[in-house]
């Protein structure tokens, strides 16, 4: 194979359209040649921190465009990284890009053709062969941003799978508890029915006993009256007998 043939580099933009790097460098603005999607966050005048309104030492997230103050002011840009894991942020004014994951600047890093390693480039372009290497800085930003978004996608997809798994486990557990609760409720309904039947039977027996007691009380009262009458009669009879004996 001829070593002079160089495989063209394919770059994927934020909108998922892919282009040859050489073709993309000829495009004169920062939008996608196909859908015109903006590849870098838009900078507006009078920027301020979205959290505290600070206007000095501002950093803009190159992933979502969030504007926050530096860690030595209010630290809201760093807090945004902690919440979203958006690694790259650019300082407004100086256009310097900071990598929170690597804890260093990456705005002056490009890929070396020898070994494919990252090498530092001075602000004046020293060490570059021609102007195209300077243009590759913008492509490098796009590559970093695309790789960051890809890692974010994998990260959140994993989170979604984890949440779905936990939710399914919780749902299965709740369904099992609901089933057990329904069984317990059915047992309680059956027990309540039995208790109501027992209550009706007890009330009926109680009424029968009350009636029996009332009957016995009436009979006792009658017997007491008979005994009282007999006692009076016996007393009178004994008195009569005594008088006859004396006579």
Protein backbone atom coordinates (compact mmCIF):
# COMPACT_ATOMS: atom_id res chain seq x y z
CA UNK A 1 0.00 0.00 0.00
CA UNK A 2 1.24 3.51 -0.80
CA UNK A 3 2.23 5.25 2.45
CA UNK A 4 1.63 8.62 0.82
CA UNK A 5 -2.14 8.00 0.83
CA UNK A 6 -3.56 9.63 3.97
CA UNK A 7 -6.92 8.49 5.28
CA UNK A 8 -9.11 11.59 5.67
CA UNK A 9 -10.13 12.44 9.21
CA UNK A 10 -13.86 12.22 9.86
CA UNK A 11 -15.33 14.63 12.43
CA UNK A 12 -18.84 14.43 13.85
CA UNK A 13 -20.55 17.70 14.79
CA UNK A 14 -22.90 18.22 17.72
CA UNK A 15 -25.88 17.63 15.43
CA UNK A 16 -24.44 14.18 14.48
CA UNK A 17 -23.53 15.19 10.92
CA UNK A 18 -20.09 13.91 9.89
CA UNK A 19 -17.62 15.67 7.57
CA UNK A 20 -14.05 15.35 6.35
CA UNK A 21 -11.84 17.57 8.47
CA UNK A 22 -10.39 19.27 5.37
CA UNK A 23 -13.88 20.09 4.06
CA UNK A 24 -15.02 21.40 7.44
CA UNK A 25 -12.04 23.78 7.71
CA UNK A 26 -13.18 25.48 4.51
CA UNK A 27 -16.56 26.31 6.05
CA UNK A 28 -16.39 29.95 7.11
CA UNK A 29 -18.63 30.01 10.21
CA UNK A 30 -19.31 27.88 13.28
CA UNK A 31 -22.55 26.31 12.06
CA UNK A 32 -23.18 22.88 10.56
CA UNK A 33 -23.05 23.03 6.72
CA UNK A 34 -26.15 20.78 6.57
CA UNK A 35 -28.56 21.97 9.28
CA UNK A 36 -26.87 25.23 10.40
CA UNK A 37 -26.71 24.02 14.02
CA UNK A 38 -24.38 26.26 16.03
CA UNK A 39 -21.34 24.26 17.17
CA UNK A 40 -20.13 26.66 19.86
CA UNK A 41 -22.12 28.46 22.60
CA UNK A 42 -23.27 31.94 21.62
CA UNK A 43 -21.70 34.82 23.53
CA UNK A 44 -23.91 37.84 24.22
CA UNK A 45 -23.17 41.28 25.57
CA UNK A 46 -23.53 42.04 29.27
CA UNK A 47 -23.08 38.42 30.35
CA UNK A 48 -23.62 37.66 34.02
CA UNK A 49 -23.65 34.63 36.27
CA UNK A 50 -27.00 32.88 36.02
CA UNK A 51 -26.88 32.11 39.74
CA UNK A 52 -25.71 35.32 41.45
CA UNK A 53 -25.56 37.96 38.66
CA UNK A 54 -21.77 38.42 38.92
CA UNK A 55 -20.31 40.12 35.80
CA UNK A 56 -16.61 39.46 36.42
CA UNK A 57 -14.58 36.27 36.00
CA UNK A 58 -17.28 34.47 34.03
CA UNK A 59 -17.04 31.01 32.47
CA UNK A 60 -19.41 29.53 29.89
CA UNK A 61 -20.05 25.78 29.62
CA UNK A 62 -19.12 24.65 26.10
CA UNK A 63 -21.65 21.80 26.36
CA UNK A 64 -24.88 23.62 27.28
CA UNK A 65 -23.95 27.33 27.37
CA UNK A 66 -24.47 27.81 31.13
CA UNK A 67 -22.73 30.98 32.38
CA UNK A 68 -21.30 30.93 35.89
CA UNK A 69 -18.73 32.80 37.94
CA UNK A 70 -15.26 31.44 38.70
CA UNK A 71 -14.38 29.33 41.70
CA UNK A 72 -12.66 32.30 43.35
CA UNK A 73 -15.82 34.44 43.07
CA UNK A 74 -18.97 32.45 43.69
CA UNK A 75 -17.89 29.11 42.27
CA UNK A 76 -21.13 28.62 40.33
CA UNK A 77 -19.37 27.45 37.16
CA UNK A 78 -17.66 24.70 39.15
CA UNK A 79 -20.94 23.85 40.88
CA UNK A 80 -22.49 23.44 37.43
CA UNK A 81 -19.78 20.89 36.59
CA UNK A 82 -20.45 18.99 39.82
CA UNK A 83 -24.17 18.82 39.04
CA UNK A 84 -24.00 17.99 35.31
CA UNK A 85 -20.48 16.55 34.79
CA UNK A 86 -20.05 18.94 31.83
CA UNK A 87 -16.25 18.89 31.81
CA UNK A 88 -15.24 21.80 29.57
CA UNK A 89 -15.84 25.48 30.29
CA UNK A 90 -14.48 28.57 28.50
CA UNK A 91 -13.49 31.83 30.18
CA UNK A 92 -15.29 34.77 28.61
CA UNK A 93 -12.87 37.33 27.23
CA UNK A 94 -9.69 35.24 27.12
CA UNK A 95 -11.39 32.29 25.34
CA UNK A 96 -9.36 29.87 27.46
CA UNK A 97 -10.92 26.43 27.93
CA UNK A 98 -10.64 24.62 31.27
CA UNK A 99 -10.98 20.87 31.72
CA UNK A 100 -12.43 20.12 35.17
CA UNK A 101 -11.72 16.41 34.84
CA UNK A 102 -8.05 16.92 34.01
CA UNK A 103 -7.87 20.09 36.16
CA UNK A 104 -5.93 22.02 33.49
CA UNK A 105 -6.33 24.21 30.42
CA UNK A 106 -6.98 22.50 27.09
CA UNK A 107 -7.54 25.47 24.78
CA UNK A 108 -3.98 25.20 23.40
CA UNK A 109 -3.83 21.45 22.86
CA UNK A 110 -3.90 19.80 19.43
CA UNK A 111 -3.10 16.30 18.18
CA UNK A 112 0.45 15.75 16.99
CA UNK A 113 0.82 13.83 13.70
CA UNK A 114 3.69 11.86 15.23
CA UNK A 115 2.17 9.44 17.71
CA UNK A 116 -1.21 11.15 17.91
CA UNK A 117 -0.38 12.67 21.30
CA UNK A 118 -1.57 16.05 22.56
CA UNK A 119 1.06 18.80 22.25
CA UNK A 120 0.96 22.42 23.40
CA UNK A 121 0.78 25.24 20.89
CA UNK A 122 1.85 28.78 21.69
CA UNK A 123 -0.61 31.66 21.18
CA UNK A 124 1.41 33.00 18.23
CA UNK A 125 1.21 29.67 16.38
CA UNK A 126 4.89 28.77 16.92
CA UNK A 127 5.62 25.18 16.04
CA UNK A 128 2.82 24.87 13.47
CA UNK A 129 3.64 24.30 9.86
CA UNK A 130 0.90 26.44 8.34
CA UNK A 131 -2.35 28.23 9.01
CA UNK A 132 -4.40 25.05 8.67
CA UNK A 133 -3.00 23.82 11.98
CA UNK A 134 -4.38 26.91 13.68
CA UNK A 135 -7.75 26.21 12.11
CA UNK A 136 -7.56 22.70 13.56
CA UNK A 137 -7.93 24.25 17.02
CA UNK A 138 -11.58 24.92 16.27
CA UNK A 139 -11.97 21.37 15.04
CA UNK A 140 -10.30 20.19 18.24
CA UNK A 141 -12.92 22.07 20.26
CA UNK A 142 -15.62 20.32 18.26
CA UNK A 143 -13.96 16.95 18.84
CA UNK A 144 -13.62 17.56 22.58
CA UNK A 145 -17.21 18.71 22.83
CA UNK A 146 -18.49 15.76 20.81
CA UNK A 147 -16.55 13.26 22.90
CA UNK A 148 -17.81 14.94 26.07
CA UNK A 149 -21.41 14.73 24.88
CA UNK A 150 -20.90 11.09 23.95
CA UNK A 151 -19.57 10.29 27.41
CA UNK A 152 -22.49 12.23 28.88
CA UNK A 153 -24.89 10.17 26.79
CA UNK A 154 -23.38 6.89 28.03
CA UNK A 155 -23.39 8.21 31.59
CA UNK A 156 -27.06 9.22 31.56
CA UNK A 157 -28.11 6.11 29.64
CA UNK A 158 -26.51 4.08 32.40
CA UNK A 159 -28.34 6.20 34.97
CA UNK A 160 -31.63 5.64 33.14
CA UNK A 161 -31.06 1.88 33.06
CA UNK A 162 -30.17 1.90 36.75
CA UNK A 163 -33.26 3.95 37.62
CA UNK A 164 -35.48 1.70 35.51
CA UNK A 165 -34.05 -1.40 37.19
CA UNK A 166 -34.55 0.06 40.67
CA UNK A 167 -38.05 1.21 39.75
CA UNK A 168 -38.93 -2.26 38.45
CA UNK A 169 -37.62 -3.84 41.65
CA UNK A 170 -39.61 -1.37 43.75
CA UNK A 171 -42.70 -2.02 41.61
CA UNK A 172 -42.35 -5.78 42.04
CA UNK A 173 -41.92 -5.34 45.78
CA UNK A 174 -44.95 -3.07 46.00
CA UNK A 175 -47.02 -5.51 43.92
CA UNK A 176 -46.04 -8.33 46.28
CA UNK A 177 -46.93 -6.18 49.29
CA UNK A 178 -50.23 -5.23 47.65
CA UNK A 179 -50.99 -8.89 47.05
CA UNK A 180 -50.21 -9.76 50.67
CA UNK A 181 -52.29 -6.82 51.87
CA UNK A 182 -55.23 -7.91 49.71
CA UNK A 183 -54.97 -11.43 51.17
CA UNK A 184 -54.88 -10.03 54.71
CA UNK A 185 -57.89 -7.81 53.96
CA UNK A 186 -59.84 -10.81 52.67
CA UNK A 187 -58.99 -12.74 55.83
CA UNK A 188 -60.09 -9.79 57.96
CA UNK A 189 -63.38 -9.52 56.04
CA UNK A 190 -64.02 -13.21 56.63
CA UNK A 191 -63.16 -12.84 60.32
CA UNK A 192 -65.44 -9.80 60.65
CA UNK A 193 -68.27 -11.79 59.04
CA UNK A 194 -67.74 -14.62 61.48
CA UNK A 195 -67.62 -12.21 64.40
CA UNK A 196 -70.85 -10.56 63.25
CA UNK A 197 -72.51 -13.98 63.05
CA UNK A 198 -71.21 -14.83 66.52
CA UNK A 199 -72.46 -11.47 67.77
CA UNK A 200 -75.95 -12.12 66.43
CA UNK A 201 -75.93 -15.57 68.01
CA UNK A 202 -74.70 -14.13 71.31
CA UNK A 203 -77.35 -11.41 71.24
CA UNK A 204 -80.04 -14.02 70.60
CA UNK A 205 -78.79 -16.19 73.47
CA UNK A 206 -78.57 -13.15 75.70
CA UNK A 207 -82.15 -12.23 74.90
CA UNK A 208 -83.24 -15.77 75.67
CA UNK A 209 -81.39 -15.65 78.98
CA UNK A 210 -82.98 -12.30 79.81
CA UNK A 211 -86.39 -13.75 79.11
CA UNK A 212 -85.61 -16.83 81.22
CA UNK A 213 -84.38 -14.65 84.08
CA UNK A 214 -87.55 -12.55 83.88
CA UNK A 215 -89.67 -15.71 83.98
CA UNK A 216 -87.77 -17.08 86.97
CA UNK A 217 -88.08 -13.76 88.78
CA UNK A 218 -91.83 -13.81 88.23
CA UNK A 219 -92.06 -17.41 89.45
CA UNK A 220 -89.94 -16.54 92.48
CA UNK A 221 -92.19 -13.63 93.29
CA UNK A 222 -95.25 -15.85 93.10
CA UNK A 223 -93.62 -18.47 95.31
CA UNK A 224 -92.71 -15.83 97.87
CA UNK A 225 -96.34 -14.66 97.94
CA UNK A 226 -97.55 -18.25 98.39
CA UNK A 227 -95.05 -18.88 101.17
CA UNK A 228 -96.05 -15.63 102.87
CA UNK A 229 -99.73 -16.63 102.65
CA UNK A 230 -98.99 -20.11 104.02
CA UNK A 231 -96.98 -18.64 106.88
CA UNK A 232 -99.90 -16.43 107.90
CA UNK A 233 -102.34 -19.31 107.58
CA UNK A 234 -100.13 -21.65 109.64
CA UNK A 235 -99.78 -19.01 112.33
CA UNK A 236 -103.53 -18.55 112.48
CA UNK A 237 -104.11 -22.30 112.59
CA UNK A 238 -101.63 -22.80 115.41
CA UNK A 239 -103.31 -19.98 117.36
CA UNK A 240 -106.70 -21.66 116.94
CA UNK A 241 -105.37 -25.01 118.11
CA UNK A 242 -103.87 -23.41 121.19
CA UNK A 243 -107.18 -21.81 122.13
CA UNK A 244 -109.01 -25.11 121.76
CA UNK A 245 -106.48 -26.82 124.00
CA UNK A 246 -107.04 -24.30 126.82
CA UNK A 247 -110.75 -24.70 126.59
